[in-house]
């Protein structure tokens, strides 16, 4: 358990910390949690920032099952039921794809701080994201739980927001 507790930086946004702590709390005795362990009622304030993403096929493709309101608003396109590689050309060469693949391979959370490379026209909007692997059988990652904070990140251009005048 101690390895998992140290899997993300201490300085993440409180909402990122909260979903991470929830993911830890729903861990079964062995393996990693699955969709069956995740209850949206436990994190109602995070629902606008959540995506549940199915992992389909080999090589894996990523299909959005659930997409929160804040995520939909940021992208401006419907995502539910759609594959990332269809919505975002060149997806497999982007950091989001690498984070998804790392979560599958390591079965550990992946944190991204920067901008959303999937929306280059909004590169000025700070992003903080966590990707959490889920496995229905406790072993094989078959879903991703992602929380994305657009414009709420506690950092900007590599510096804390307070240093950038936009705290």
Protein backbone atom coordinates (compact mmCIF):
# COMPACT_ATOMS: atom_id res chain seq x y z
CA UNK A 1 0.00 0.00 0.00
CA UNK A 2 2.82 2.45 0.78
CA UNK A 3 4.07 2.29 -2.83
CA UNK A 4 0.63 3.25 -4.10
CA UNK A 5 0.30 6.11 -1.60
CA UNK A 6 3.48 7.66 -3.01
CA UNK A 7 2.42 7.16 -6.63
CA UNK A 8 1.53 10.83 -7.21
CA UNK A 9 3.20 14.13 -6.24
CA UNK A 10 2.28 15.62 -2.87
CA UNK A 11 1.57 18.98 -4.54
CA UNK A 12 -1.38 17.93 -6.71
CA UNK A 13 -4.65 19.85 -6.70
CA UNK A 14 -6.92 18.86 -3.77
CA UNK A 15 -9.48 17.37 -6.20
CA UNK A 16 -6.80 15.20 -7.77
CA UNK A 17 -5.64 14.15 -4.30
CA UNK A 18 -9.25 13.37 -3.36
CA UNK A 19 -9.94 11.02 -6.29
CA UNK A 20 -6.56 9.36 -5.74
CA UNK A 21 -7.34 8.78 -2.04
CA UNK A 22 -10.76 7.43 -3.05
CA UNK A 23 -9.10 5.04 -5.55
CA UNK A 24 -6.83 3.83 -2.74
CA UNK A 25 -9.81 3.41 -0.39
CA UNK A 26 -11.74 1.20 -2.83
CA UNK A 27 -8.78 -1.14 -3.45
CA UNK A 28 -9.68 -4.76 -2.89
CA UNK A 29 -7.40 -6.89 -0.70
CA UNK A 30 -5.46 -7.94 -3.78
CA UNK A 31 -5.15 -6.41 -7.24
CA UNK A 32 -6.60 -3.06 -8.22
CA UNK A 33 -10.17 -1.77 -8.08
CA UNK A 34 -12.61 -2.25 -10.91
CA UNK A 35 -15.64 -0.34 -12.11
CA UNK A 36 -17.71 -2.38 -9.67
CA UNK A 37 -15.87 -0.71 -6.77
CA UNK A 38 -16.35 2.85 -8.04
CA UNK A 39 -19.55 4.50 -6.84
CA UNK A 40 -20.16 8.00 -8.27
CA UNK A 41 -22.29 8.79 -5.20
CA UNK A 42 -19.05 8.83 -3.18
CA UNK A 43 -17.55 11.70 -5.20
CA UNK A 44 -20.45 13.87 -6.43
CA UNK A 45 -18.40 17.08 -6.58
CA UNK A 46 -15.89 15.42 -8.91
CA UNK A 47 -18.44 14.11 -11.42
CA UNK A 48 -18.22 17.15 -13.74
CA UNK A 49 -14.48 16.43 -14.15
CA UNK A 50 -14.67 12.64 -14.57
CA UNK A 51 -14.35 10.42 -17.60
CA UNK A 52 -14.76 6.67 -17.52
CA UNK A 53 -12.92 5.22 -20.49
CA UNK A 54 -13.31 1.66 -21.76
CA UNK A 55 -10.21 -0.11 -23.06
CA UNK A 56 -11.15 -2.02 -26.19
CA UNK A 57 -9.10 -4.52 -28.20
CA UNK A 58 -5.42 -5.23 -28.69
CA UNK A 59 -3.73 -2.94 -29.39
CA UNK A 60 -5.92 -0.98 -27.02
CA UNK A 61 -8.31 1.71 -28.16
CA UNK A 62 -9.97 4.07 -25.72
CA UNK A 63 -13.73 4.70 -25.84
CA UNK A 64 -15.43 7.23 -23.58
CA UNK A 65 -18.22 5.65 -21.56
CA UNK A 66 -19.00 8.62 -19.28
CA UNK A 67 -17.96 12.23 -19.73
CA UNK A 68 -18.56 14.93 -17.11
CA UNK A 69 -19.98 18.35 -17.89
CA UNK A 70 -16.76 20.34 -17.35
CA UNK A 71 -14.88 17.99 -19.69
CA UNK A 72 -17.61 18.26 -22.35
CA UNK A 73 -17.58 22.05 -22.03
CA UNK A 74 -13.80 22.23 -22.46
CA UNK A 75 -13.73 20.12 -25.61
CA UNK A 76 -16.98 21.42 -27.08
CA UNK A 77 -17.78 18.07 -28.68
CA UNK A 78 -19.80 15.09 -27.50
CA UNK A 79 -17.47 12.32 -26.36
CA UNK A 80 -19.68 9.62 -24.91
CA UNK A 81 -19.43 6.41 -26.96
CA UNK A 82 -16.61 7.76 -29.14
CA UNK A 83 -13.01 6.58 -29.49
CA UNK A 84 -10.15 8.95 -28.73
CA UNK A 85 -8.34 8.11 -31.96
CA UNK A 86 -11.45 9.15 -33.92
CA UNK A 87 -11.98 12.40 -32.01
CA UNK A 88 -8.33 13.45 -31.84
CA UNK A 89 -6.15 12.81 -34.91
CA UNK A 90 -2.64 11.72 -33.97
CA UNK A 91 -3.81 10.62 -30.53
CA UNK A 92 -1.27 7.78 -30.27
CA UNK A 93 1.60 10.27 -30.43
CA UNK A 94 0.28 12.43 -27.59
CA UNK A 95 0.97 12.52 -23.83
CA UNK A 96 -2.61 11.43 -23.06
CA UNK A 97 -2.04 8.19 -24.95
CA UNK A 98 1.29 7.62 -23.17
CA UNK A 99 -0.42 8.17 -19.79
CA UNK A 100 -3.19 5.72 -20.67
CA UNK A 101 -0.68 3.10 -21.80
CA UNK A 102 1.49 3.63 -18.70
CA UNK A 103 -1.54 3.18 -16.45
CA UNK A 104 -2.28 -0.12 -18.20
CA UNK A 105 1.33 -1.35 -18.00
CA UNK A 106 2.10 -0.27 -14.43
CA UNK A 107 -1.41 -0.44 -12.93
CA UNK A 108 -0.51 2.83 -11.20
CA UNK A 109 -1.94 6.36 -11.48
CA UNK A 110 -0.46 8.78 -13.97
CA UNK A 111 -0.52 12.54 -13.32
CA UNK A 112 -0.16 15.21 -16.00
CA UNK A 113 0.39 18.91 -15.40
CA UNK A 114 0.58 21.19 -18.39
CA UNK A 115 -1.98 21.95 -21.03
CA UNK A 116 -4.36 19.72 -22.90
CA UNK A 117 -2.47 18.71 -26.02
CA UNK A 118 -5.77 17.49 -27.48
CA UNK A 119 -7.07 21.08 -27.69
CA UNK A 120 -4.24 23.19 -29.14
CA UNK A 121 -6.56 26.19 -29.51
CA UNK A 122 -6.87 26.20 -25.70
CA UNK A 123 -3.18 25.65 -24.89
CA UNK A 124 -3.31 28.66 -22.56
CA UNK A 125 -5.70 26.82 -20.20
CA UNK A 126 -3.76 25.02 -17.45
CA UNK A 127 -4.61 21.37 -17.02
CA UNK A 128 -4.06 18.97 -14.18
CA UNK A 129 -5.15 15.39 -14.84
CA UNK A 130 -4.97 12.02 -13.14
CA UNK A 131 -5.45 8.71 -14.92
CA UNK A 132 -6.42 5.83 -12.63
CA UNK A 133 -6.46 2.22 -13.86
CA UNK A 134 -9.46 -0.01 -13.12
CA UNK A 135 -9.59 -3.80 -13.54
CA UNK A 136 -12.85 -5.74 -13.31
CA UNK A 137 -10.93 -8.90 -12.45
CA UNK A 138 -8.47 -7.05 -10.20
CA UNK A 139 -5.58 -7.72 -12.59
CA UNK A 140 -6.24 -6.80 -16.23
CA UNK A 141 -6.80 -3.07 -16.70
CA UNK A 142 -10.01 -2.74 -18.71
CA UNK A 143 -11.07 0.81 -17.87
CA UNK A 144 -9.59 4.15 -16.96
CA UNK A 145 -11.02 6.62 -14.48
CA UNK A 146 -9.71 10.08 -15.37
CA UNK A 147 -10.23 13.40 -13.62
CA UNK A 148 -9.28 16.50 -15.61
CA UNK A 149 -9.21 19.99 -14.14
CA UNK A 150 -9.20 22.67 -16.83
CA UNK A 151 -8.27 26.11 -15.53
CA UNK A 152 -8.27 24.92 -11.92
CA UNK A 153 -4.71 23.67 -11.84
CA UNK A 154 -2.60 24.80 -8.91
CA UNK A 155 0.32 25.56 -11.20
CA UNK A 156 0.83 27.55 -14.40
CA UNK A 157 3.75 27.42 -16.84
CA UNK A 158 5.69 25.31 -14.38
CA UNK A 159 5.23 27.74 -11.49
CA UNK A 160 2.60 27.85 -8.74
CA UNK A 161 -0.40 29.93 -9.80
CA UNK A 162 0.27 32.46 -7.02
CA UNK A 163 3.57 33.31 -8.74
CA UNK A 164 1.79 33.97 -12.03
CA UNK A 165 -0.67 36.54 -10.77
CA UNK A 166 -3.70 34.34 -11.42
CA UNK A 167 -4.18 32.71 -8.03
